[in-house]
Amino acid sequence: MALTKTQQSVYDLMARTLKDWGLGTLVADLKKLIIAGDTAPDTLALALSGTDAYKKRFAANELRTKKGLPQLKPAEYIAAEEQYYNILSSYGLPKGFYDQHADFTQFIANDVSPTELEDRVKIASEQYLNAAPQAREVWERYFGLSQGDAVAHMLDPKRYSAIDLQNKAAQVGIGTVAQEQGITVSQQRAQQFQEQGVSLAQAQKAYQDIAGTQLTDQSIAQRFGTTFGLTEEENARLLGQGADIEKLKTLQGSEQGLFEGHGGANESSNAPNLSNYL
């Protein structure tokens, strides 16, 4: 059946809109509604919103309703998708990764703002995708995130809150700078440092010092009938624990006293200034 001029005008407008929304499959349904006598765009849109194709295309709206969030109009929904896509593209995520409509459903359903998504993508990009191999190894060792699912976990608000993700990134950073010095730090220990406010720069400096003096400090401790291992080194240099700082200062002072008058350099001469950790 041929459409009248008015019907054709409405059809052309609505058909273009449906295709822009990714709902070209509903064009046939649209034509049937118009032939049946409906030419009001609002009522046509309402009728089409009840179809399975429409519900699937804007699937996050049903999830938002269940969460007590307002549904987004199609234009708002698509604008949100475009913002997400542009952010993800700007950080060079692999082609085929988070670039389909369905990929953004959870973001919209959880009302993830573009700012939060960008924060997540930045962590995923800088601290995993483009990070040194050691960092990816630590992510996997700490949180079981293999290369296949790491970025998806980092971006998924159902997996980690934004704060949780930032904390995990900080823990991985601490573990990574330790590993670069040949020192293995457990996730629980890295979490302790992170919760105590240890910065990445502080951790990097401390583990460089530990790597340079650990064997010497252990040897000195053995000479005086005691121990001073990695835990004590970390307590002194990362947590600023007074007892371990004083123990190390005492050991180094005793060693210096032992070698005074014998000439030459002694083993503690390369020890870092502990005042940096007070």
Protein backbone atom coordinates (compact mmCIF):
# COMPACT_ATOMS: atom_id res chain seq x y z
CA MET A 1 0.00 0.00 0.00
CA ALA A 2 1.35 3.40 -1.02
CA LEU A 3 1.78 6.04 1.65
CA THR A 4 0.17 9.43 1.43
CA LYS A 5 2.39 12.48 1.26
CA THR A 6 1.94 13.12 5.01
CA GLN A 7 2.53 9.48 5.86
CA GLN A 8 5.64 9.36 3.66
CA SER A 9 7.06 12.44 5.36
CA VAL A 10 6.58 10.89 8.81
CA TYR A 11 7.95 7.57 7.60
CA ASP A 12 11.09 9.15 6.12
CA LEU A 13 11.78 11.08 9.32
CA MET A 14 11.20 8.15 11.66
CA ALA A 15 13.03 5.65 9.44
CA ARG A 16 16.16 7.83 9.46
CA THR A 17 15.90 8.12 13.25
CA LEU A 18 15.57 4.37 13.71
CA LYS A 19 18.61 3.73 11.52
CA ASP A 20 20.59 6.33 13.48
CA TRP A 21 19.63 4.44 16.64
CA GLY A 22 20.80 1.16 15.17
CA LEU A 23 17.22 -0.07 14.79
CA GLY A 24 16.88 -0.35 11.04
CA THR A 25 15.13 -3.70 11.57
CA LEU A 26 12.09 -1.82 12.91
CA VAL A 27 11.46 0.11 9.70
CA ALA A 28 8.94 -2.52 8.56
CA ASP A 29 7.08 -2.26 11.88
CA LEU A 30 7.10 1.51 11.53
CA LYS A 31 5.49 1.33 8.10
CA LYS A 32 2.75 -1.00 9.38
CA LEU A 33 1.91 1.43 12.20
CA ILE A 34 1.74 4.36 9.80
CA ILE A 35 -0.47 2.46 7.35
CA ALA A 36 -2.73 1.60 10.30
CA GLY A 37 -3.29 5.32 10.75
CA ASP A 38 -0.69 6.46 13.32
CA THR A 39 1.33 9.46 12.13
CA ALA A 40 2.32 11.10 15.43
CA PRO A 41 6.09 10.64 16.07
CA ASP A 42 5.61 10.42 19.84
CA THR A 43 3.03 7.65 19.69
CA LEU A 44 4.97 5.83 17.00
CA ALA A 45 8.08 5.92 19.15
CA LEU A 46 6.08 4.68 22.14
CA ALA A 47 4.67 1.77 20.14
CA LEU A 48 8.09 0.80 18.82
CA SER A 49 9.61 0.98 22.32
CA GLY A 50 7.60 -2.09 23.24
CA THR A 51 9.32 -4.29 20.66
CA ASP A 52 12.04 -6.78 21.62
CA ALA A 53 14.50 -5.11 19.26
CA TYR A 54 14.04 -1.73 20.92
CA LYS A 55 14.37 -3.19 24.42
CA LYS A 56 17.54 -5.00 23.44
CA ARG A 57 19.04 -1.88 21.85
CA PHE A 58 18.43 0.19 24.98
CA ALA A 59 18.84 -2.69 27.44
CA ALA A 60 20.44 -0.56 30.15
CA ASN A 61 17.19 1.36 30.68
CA GLU A 62 15.44 -1.66 32.19
CA LEU A 63 18.41 -2.19 34.49
CA ARG A 64 18.36 1.48 35.47
CA THR A 65 14.68 1.20 36.38
CA LYS A 66 15.45 -1.72 38.69
CA LYS A 67 18.14 0.38 40.37
CA GLY A 68 15.77 3.31 40.83
CA LEU A 69 17.49 5.40 38.17
CA PRO A 70 15.57 7.31 35.50
CA GLN A 71 15.53 5.87 32.01
CA LEU A 72 17.48 7.73 29.36
CA LYS A 73 15.82 8.99 26.21
CA PRO A 74 17.30 7.46 23.04
CA ALA A 75 19.25 10.62 22.22
CA GLU A 76 20.69 10.74 25.76
CA TYR A 77 21.49 7.02 25.66
CA ILE A 78 23.31 7.31 22.33
CA ALA A 79 25.16 10.43 23.47
CA ALA A 80 26.43 8.51 26.51
CA GLU A 81 27.61 5.66 24.29
CA GLU A 82 29.46 8.10 22.06
CA GLN A 83 31.21 9.66 25.03
CA TYR A 84 32.27 6.24 26.29
CA TYR A 85 33.48 5.21 22.85
CA ASN A 86 35.50 8.40 22.36
CA ILE A 87 37.19 8.00 25.76
CA LEU A 88 38.09 4.38 25.12
CA SER A 89 39.36 5.17 21.62
CA SER A 90 41.52 8.03 22.87
CA TYR A 91 43.48 5.63 25.08
CA GLY A 92 44.10 3.19 22.24
CA LEU A 93 42.16 0.18 23.44
CA PRO A 94 42.36 -2.69 20.93
CA LYS A 95 39.88 -2.73 18.04
CA GLY A 96 36.85 -4.86 18.84
CA PHE A 97 37.19 -4.15 22.57
CA TYR A 98 34.35 -2.14 24.08
CA ASP A 99 33.18 -0.67 20.80
CA GLN A 100 29.74 -2.27 20.41
CA HIS A 101 26.40 -1.06 21.80
CA ALA A 102 26.14 -4.05 24.15
CA ASP A 103 29.58 -3.28 25.59
CA PHE A 104 28.27 -0.08 27.14
CA THR A 105 25.17 -1.56 28.79
CA GLN A 106 26.70 -1.93 32.25
CA PHE A 107 28.25 1.53 32.13
CA ILE A 108 24.87 3.14 31.43
CA ALA A 109 23.02 0.83 33.81
CA ASN A 110 25.40 1.80 36.63
CA ASP A 111 25.30 5.50 35.73
CA VAL A 112 29.06 5.58 35.18
CA SER A 113 30.10 9.12 34.39
CA PRO A 114 32.54 9.87 31.57
CA THR A 115 34.98 11.15 34.19
CA GLU A 116 34.91 7.90 36.14
CA LEU A 117 35.30 5.86 32.97
CA GLU A 118 38.27 7.95 31.90
CA ASP A 119 39.89 7.39 35.30
CA ARG A 120 39.42 3.64 34.87
CA VAL A 121 40.69 3.60 31.29
CA LYS A 122 43.72 5.63 32.30
CA ILE A 123 44.65 3.04 34.93
CA ALA A 124 44.04 0.17 32.52
CA SER A 125 46.10 1.84 29.80
CA GLU A 126 49.01 3.22 31.79
CA GLN A 127 49.33 0.48 34.39
CA TYR A 128 48.49 -2.58 32.35
CA LEU A 129 48.24 -2.29 28.57
CA ASN A 130 51.25 0.00 28.19
CA ALA A 131 53.08 -0.95 31.37
CA ALA A 132 56.25 -2.98 31.75
CA PRO A 133 55.85 -6.77 31.79
CA GLN A 134 56.56 -6.78 35.54
CA ALA A 135 53.41 -4.75 36.19
CA ARG A 136 51.20 -7.16 34.25
CA GLU A 137 52.78 -10.04 36.16
CA VAL A 138 51.99 -8.35 39.47
CA TRP A 139 48.38 -7.68 38.46
CA GLU A 140 48.01 -11.37 37.71
CA ARG A 141 49.79 -12.51 40.86
CA TYR A 142 47.89 -10.16 43.16
CA PHE A 143 44.40 -10.34 41.69
CA GLY A 144 44.37 -13.24 39.24
CA LEU A 145 43.95 -10.90 36.27
CA SER A 146 45.33 -12.57 33.19
CA GLN A 147 45.89 -10.66 29.95
CA GLY A 148 42.56 -11.85 28.58
CA ASP A 149 40.38 -10.38 31.31
CA ALA A 150 42.47 -7.75 33.10
CA VAL A 151 41.23 -4.67 31.23
CA ALA A 152 37.62 -5.87 31.29
CA HIS A 153 37.84 -6.26 35.07
CA MET A 154 39.35 -2.80 35.48
CA LEU A 155 36.61 -1.15 33.45
CA ASP A 156 33.67 -3.06 34.96
CA PRO A 157 32.05 -1.07 37.80
CA LYS A 158 30.47 -4.30 39.07
CA ARG A 159 33.92 -5.76 39.70
CA TYR A 160 35.64 -2.85 41.41
CA SER A 161 34.49 0.53 42.62
CA ALA A 162 36.53 3.46 41.35
CA ILE A 163 38.28 3.83 44.73
CA ASP A 164 38.94 0.09 44.95
CA LEU A 165 40.52 0.13 41.51
CA GLN A 166 42.75 3.07 42.41
CA ASN A 167 43.86 1.29 45.59
CA LYS A 168 44.63 -1.90 43.68
CA ALA A 169 46.63 0.08 41.15
CA ALA A 170 48.64 1.63 43.98
CA GLN A 171 49.32 -1.80 45.47
CA VAL A 172 50.46 -3.13 42.10
CA GLY A 173 52.72 -0.12 41.69
CA ILE A 174 54.42 -0.87 45.00
CA GLY A 175 54.76 -4.55 44.13
CA THR A 176 56.19 -3.69 40.74
CA VAL A 177 58.93 -1.33 41.94
CA ALA A 178 59.93 -3.97 44.49
CA GLN A 179 60.03 -6.67 41.80
CA GLU A 180 62.21 -4.44 39.63
CA GLN A 181 64.78 -4.64 42.44
CA GLY A 182 64.47 -8.43 42.66
CA ILE A 183 62.28 -8.29 45.77
CA THR A 184 58.94 -10.10 45.96
CA VAL A 185 56.22 -8.39 48.00
CA SER A 186 52.90 -10.07 48.72
CA GLN A 187 49.61 -8.38 47.88
CA GLN A 188 48.72 -8.23 51.58
CA ARG A 189 51.98 -6.45 52.37
CA ALA A 190 51.56 -4.06 49.44
CA GLN A 191 48.02 -3.33 50.65
CA GLN A 192 49.38 -2.51 54.09
CA PHE A 193 51.79 0.00 52.59
CA GLN A 194 49.07 1.49 50.38
CA GLU A 195 46.70 1.86 53.33
CA GLN A 196 49.46 3.58 55.31
CA GLY A 197 49.78 6.16 52.53
CA VAL A 198 53.08 5.01 51.03
CA SER A 199 53.50 6.68 47.65
CA LEU A 200 55.01 5.06 44.58
CA ALA A 201 58.01 7.40 44.77
CA GLN A 202 58.59 6.48 48.41
CA ALA A 203 58.36 2.78 47.61
CA GLN A 204 60.76 3.12 44.68
CA LYS A 205 63.36 4.93 46.82
CA ALA A 206 62.97 2.49 49.71
CA TYR A 207 63.33 -0.66 47.60
CA GLN A 208 66.35 0.77 45.80
CA ASP A 209 67.95 1.32 49.21
CA ILE A 210 66.90 -2.12 50.46
CA ALA A 211 68.30 -3.82 47.36
CA GLY A 212 71.59 -2.00 47.86
CA THR A 213 72.06 -2.68 51.59
CA GLN A 214 69.94 -5.70 52.53
CA LEU A 215 72.72 -8.29 52.40
CA THR A 216 75.09 -5.99 54.25
CA ASP A 217 72.52 -5.28 56.97
CA GLN A 218 71.83 -8.99 57.38
CA SER A 219 75.55 -9.71 57.69
CA ILE A 220 75.98 -7.00 60.30
CA ALA A 221 73.03 -8.35 62.27
CA GLN A 222 74.45 -11.88 62.19
CA ARG A 223 77.79 -10.59 63.45
CA PHE A 224 76.03 -9.19 66.49
CA GLY A 225 73.90 -12.28 67.10
CA THR A 226 70.57 -10.97 65.83
CA THR A 227 68.55 -10.71 62.61
CA PHE A 228 67.45 -7.90 60.34
CA GLY A 229 65.51 -9.16 57.36
CA LEU A 230 63.26 -7.77 54.63
CA THR A 231 60.31 -7.22 56.98
CA GLU A 232 62.42 -5.06 59.29
CA GLU A 233 63.91 -3.19 56.33
CA GLU A 234 60.41 -2.40 55.06
CA ASN A 235 59.18 -1.45 58.51
CA ALA A 236 62.02 1.02 58.87
CA ARG A 237 62.05 2.50 55.39
CA LEU A 238 58.39 2.30 54.35
CA LEU A 239 56.38 2.35 57.56
CA GLY A 240 58.73 4.49 59.63
CA GLN A 241 58.48 2.14 62.59
CA GLY A 242 60.73 3.56 65.26
CA ALA A 243 61.86 0.26 66.77
CA ASP A 244 63.22 -1.04 63.48
CA ILE A 245 64.78 2.31 62.56
CA GLU A 246 66.59 2.38 65.89
CA LYS A 247 67.65 -1.26 65.56
CA LEU A 248 69.20 -0.59 62.16
CA LYS A 249 70.92 2.58 63.39
CA THR A 250 72.27 0.68 66.39
CA LEU A 251 73.57 -2.18 64.22
CA GLN A 252 75.24 0.21 61.81
CA GLY A 253 76.69 2.23 64.68
CA SER A 254 78.06 -0.90 66.32
CA GLU A 255 79.57 -2.02 63.03
CA GLN A 256 81.21 1.35 62.56
CA GLY A 257 82.60 1.21 66.08
CA LEU A 258 83.93 -2.28 65.48
CA PHE A 259 85.93 -1.17 62.47
CA GLU A 260 87.15 2.17 63.85
CA GLY A 261 90.87 2.33 64.00
CA HIS A 262 91.30 -0.51 61.51
CA GLY A 263 91.49 1.76 58.46
CA GLY A 264 89.75 1.34 55.12
CA ALA A 265 86.11 1.37 54.28
CA ASN A 266 83.71 -0.78 56.25
CA GLU A 267 80.63 -2.64 55.01
CA SER A 268 78.18 -0.10 56.41
CA SER A 269 79.68 2.86 54.59
CA ASN A 270 77.21 2.52 51.72
CA ALA A 271 74.13 2.52 53.93
CA PRO A 272 71.58 5.25 53.12
CA ASN A 273 70.92 8.06 55.54
CA LEU A 274 68.11 6.76 57.77
CA SER A 275 67.05 10.29 58.59
CA ASN A 276 65.18 10.12 55.27
CA TYR A 277 62.78 7.66 56.89
CA LEU A 278 62.24 9.38 60.23
